[in-house]
Structure formats: C-alpha cells, structure tokens
C-alpha cells in the first residue's frame, strides 16, 4: 500500500526486537515521539503479537470515543504521510 501511495518502492527490512527498541529510544531523545519506557513496552507487545498472534479484536467504537473521531484505516493514514 505504501509503495502504491508514494509511487516508489518500499522494502521490508527485518530487525530484532532489541534493535527496534533501541531505535525507538533514540527517537525519543530527538523528538517528542515516545519515551524510553514506552519504547520498551511497545517492543514487548509487538514481540508477543509476532509470536502468539493478537489475542483480541480491535474495538473501533472504543477507539473512536477515546480519540474523539473515527479511526483511520492504514491506507487513509498512508495518504497523510
């Protein structure tokens, strides 16, 4: 979808969970993106989902109430980048 939206190739480059966490922590030092504790949590959750799959379906209604608007699909989000 990203390649289609951006009109250029996008490649997948696998990284370890530790490297991903390190990159998130590094981002937290230069941008108000995520703090180091949250980087660790995001990595742990992603690793669990990768190994075991998702344990529950997304509740789009609850998400909409939480953020105050309808959530975007990934394709809609990609159009904003």
C-alpha atoms as a PDB file:
ATOM      1  CA  UNK A   1       0.000   0.000   0.000  1.00  0.00           C
ATOM      2  CA  UNK A   2       2.808   2.423   0.815  1.00  0.00           C
ATOM      3  CA  UNK A   3       4.572   1.813  -2.496  1.00  0.00           C
ATOM      4  CA  UNK A   4       1.289   2.390  -4.313  1.00  0.00           C
ATOM      5  CA  UNK A   5       0.539   5.571  -2.362  1.00  0.00           C
ATOM      6  CA  UNK A   6       4.021   7.065  -2.613  1.00  0.00           C
ATOM      7  CA  UNK A   7       4.761   5.911  -6.164  1.00  0.00           C
ATOM      8  CA  UNK A   8       8.137   4.415  -5.226  1.00  0.00           C
ATOM      9  CA  UNK A   9       9.415   1.058  -3.989  1.00  0.00           C
ATOM     10  CA  UNK A  10       9.242   0.236  -0.295  1.00  0.00           C
ATOM     11  CA  UNK A  11      11.284  -2.660   1.017  1.00  0.00           C
ATOM     12  CA  UNK A  12      10.880  -4.681   4.179  1.00  0.00           C
ATOM     13  CA  UNK A  13      13.970  -4.898   6.343  1.00  0.00           C
ATOM     14  CA  UNK A  14      13.595  -7.186   9.360  1.00  0.00           C
ATOM     15  CA  UNK A  15      15.184  -6.041  12.619  1.00  0.00           C
ATOM     16  CA  UNK A  16      15.427  -7.673  16.012  1.00  0.00           C
ATOM     17  CA  UNK A  17      13.138  -6.571  18.820  1.00  0.00           C
ATOM     18  CA  UNK A  18      16.163  -5.171  20.652  1.00  0.00           C
ATOM     19  CA  UNK A  19      17.288  -3.090  17.666  1.00  0.00           C
ATOM     20  CA  UNK A  20      13.731  -1.798  17.194  1.00  0.00           C
ATOM     21  CA  UNK A  21      13.584  -0.799  20.875  1.00  0.00           C
ATOM     22  CA  UNK A  22      16.946   0.927  20.583  1.00  0.00           C
ATOM     23  CA  UNK A  23      15.738   2.889  17.533  1.00  0.00           C
ATOM     24  CA  UNK A  24      12.562   3.941  19.368  1.00  0.00           C
ATOM     25  CA  UNK A  25      14.615   5.071  22.366  1.00  0.00           C
ATOM     26  CA  UNK A  26      16.941   7.027  20.054  1.00  0.00           C
ATOM     27  CA  UNK A  27      13.892   8.736  18.511  1.00  0.00           C
ATOM     28  CA  UNK A  28      12.683   9.687  21.985  1.00  0.00           C
ATOM     29  CA  UNK A  29      15.919  11.595  22.526  1.00  0.00           C
ATOM     30  CA  UNK A  30      15.477  13.856  19.478  1.00  0.00           C
ATOM     31  CA  UNK A  31      11.696  14.041  19.056  1.00  0.00           C
ATOM     32  CA  UNK A  32       8.690  14.072  21.354  1.00  0.00           C
ATOM     33  CA  UNK A  33       7.772  10.720  19.848  1.00  0.00           C
ATOM     34  CA  UNK A  34       7.900   8.186  22.661  1.00  0.00           C
ATOM     35  CA  UNK A  35       9.754   7.893  25.969  1.00  0.00           C
ATOM     36  CA  UNK A  36      12.205   5.093  26.744  1.00  0.00           C
ATOM     37  CA  UNK A  37       9.760   3.182  28.988  1.00  0.00           C
ATOM     38  CA  UNK A  38       7.061   3.262  26.325  1.00  0.00           C
ATOM     39  CA  UNK A  39       9.591   2.126  23.707  1.00  0.00           C
ATOM     40  CA  UNK A  40      10.232  -0.964  25.819  1.00  0.00           C
ATOM     41  CA  UNK A  41       6.516  -1.623  26.247  1.00  0.00           C
ATOM     42  CA  UNK A  42       5.734  -1.188  22.542  1.00  0.00           C
ATOM     43  CA  UNK A  43       8.550  -3.618  21.711  1.00  0.00           C
ATOM     44  CA  UNK A  44       7.357  -6.212  24.232  1.00  0.00           C
ATOM     45  CA  UNK A  45       3.770  -6.092  22.970  1.00  0.00           C
ATOM     46  CA  UNK A  46       4.865  -6.293  19.320  1.00  0.00           C
ATOM     47  CA  UNK A  47       7.118  -9.255  20.091  1.00  0.00           C
ATOM     48  CA  UNK A  48       4.269 -11.086  21.839  1.00  0.00           C
ATOM     49  CA  UNK A  49       1.888 -10.472  18.942  1.00  0.00           C
ATOM     50  CA  UNK A  50       4.545 -11.647  16.462  1.00  0.00           C
ATOM     51  CA  UNK A  51       4.993 -14.900  18.385  1.00  0.00           C
ATOM     52  CA  UNK A  52       1.437 -15.605  19.564  1.00  0.00           C
ATOM     53  CA  UNK A  53      -0.832 -13.516  17.333  1.00  0.00           C
ATOM     54  CA  UNK A  54      -3.348 -10.975  18.513  1.00  0.00           C
ATOM     55  CA  UNK A  55      -5.427 -12.044  21.493  1.00  0.00           C
ATOM     56  CA  UNK A  56      -8.324  -9.683  20.959  1.00  0.00           C
ATOM     57  CA  UNK A  57     -10.029  -7.804  18.183  1.00  0.00           C
ATOM     58  CA  UNK A  58      -9.800  -4.045  17.948  1.00  0.00           C
ATOM     59  CA  UNK A  59     -12.781  -2.176  19.394  1.00  0.00           C
ATOM     60  CA  UNK A  60     -13.139   0.611  16.838  1.00  0.00           C
ATOM     61  CA  UNK A  61     -16.011   2.213  18.749  1.00  0.00           C
ATOM     62  CA  UNK A  62     -13.929   2.465  21.921  1.00  0.00           C
ATOM     63  CA  UNK A  63     -11.004   3.858  19.931  1.00  0.00           C
ATOM     64  CA  UNK A  64     -13.250   6.472  18.293  1.00  0.00           C
ATOM     65  CA  UNK A  65     -14.549   7.548  21.712  1.00  0.00           C
ATOM     66  CA  UNK A  66     -11.011   7.716  23.068  1.00  0.00           C
ATOM     67  CA  UNK A  67      -9.582   9.863  20.242  1.00  0.00           C
ATOM     68  CA  UNK A  68     -12.753  11.845  19.552  1.00  0.00           C
ATOM     69  CA  UNK A  69     -13.097  10.883  15.884  1.00  0.00           C
ATOM     70  CA  UNK A  70     -13.410   7.854  13.632  1.00  0.00           C
ATOM     71  CA  UNK A  71     -10.123   5.952  13.351  1.00  0.00           C
ATOM     72  CA  UNK A  72      -8.284   5.887  10.021  1.00  0.00           C
ATOM     73  CA  UNK A  73      -7.573   2.773   8.000  1.00  0.00           C
ATOM     74  CA  UNK A  74      -3.911   2.165   7.247  1.00  0.00           C
ATOM     75  CA  UNK A  75      -4.491   3.260   3.635  1.00  0.00           C
ATOM     76  CA  UNK A  76      -6.100   6.527   4.835  1.00  0.00           C
ATOM     77  CA  UNK A  77      -3.197   7.098   7.215  1.00  0.00           C
ATOM     78  CA  UNK A  78      -0.629   6.465   4.460  1.00  0.00           C
ATOM     79  CA  UNK A  79      -2.243   9.196   2.362  1.00  0.00           C
ATOM     80  CA  UNK A  80      -1.429  11.709   5.113  1.00  0.00           C
ATOM     81  CA  UNK A  81       2.316  10.948   5.100  1.00  0.00           C
END
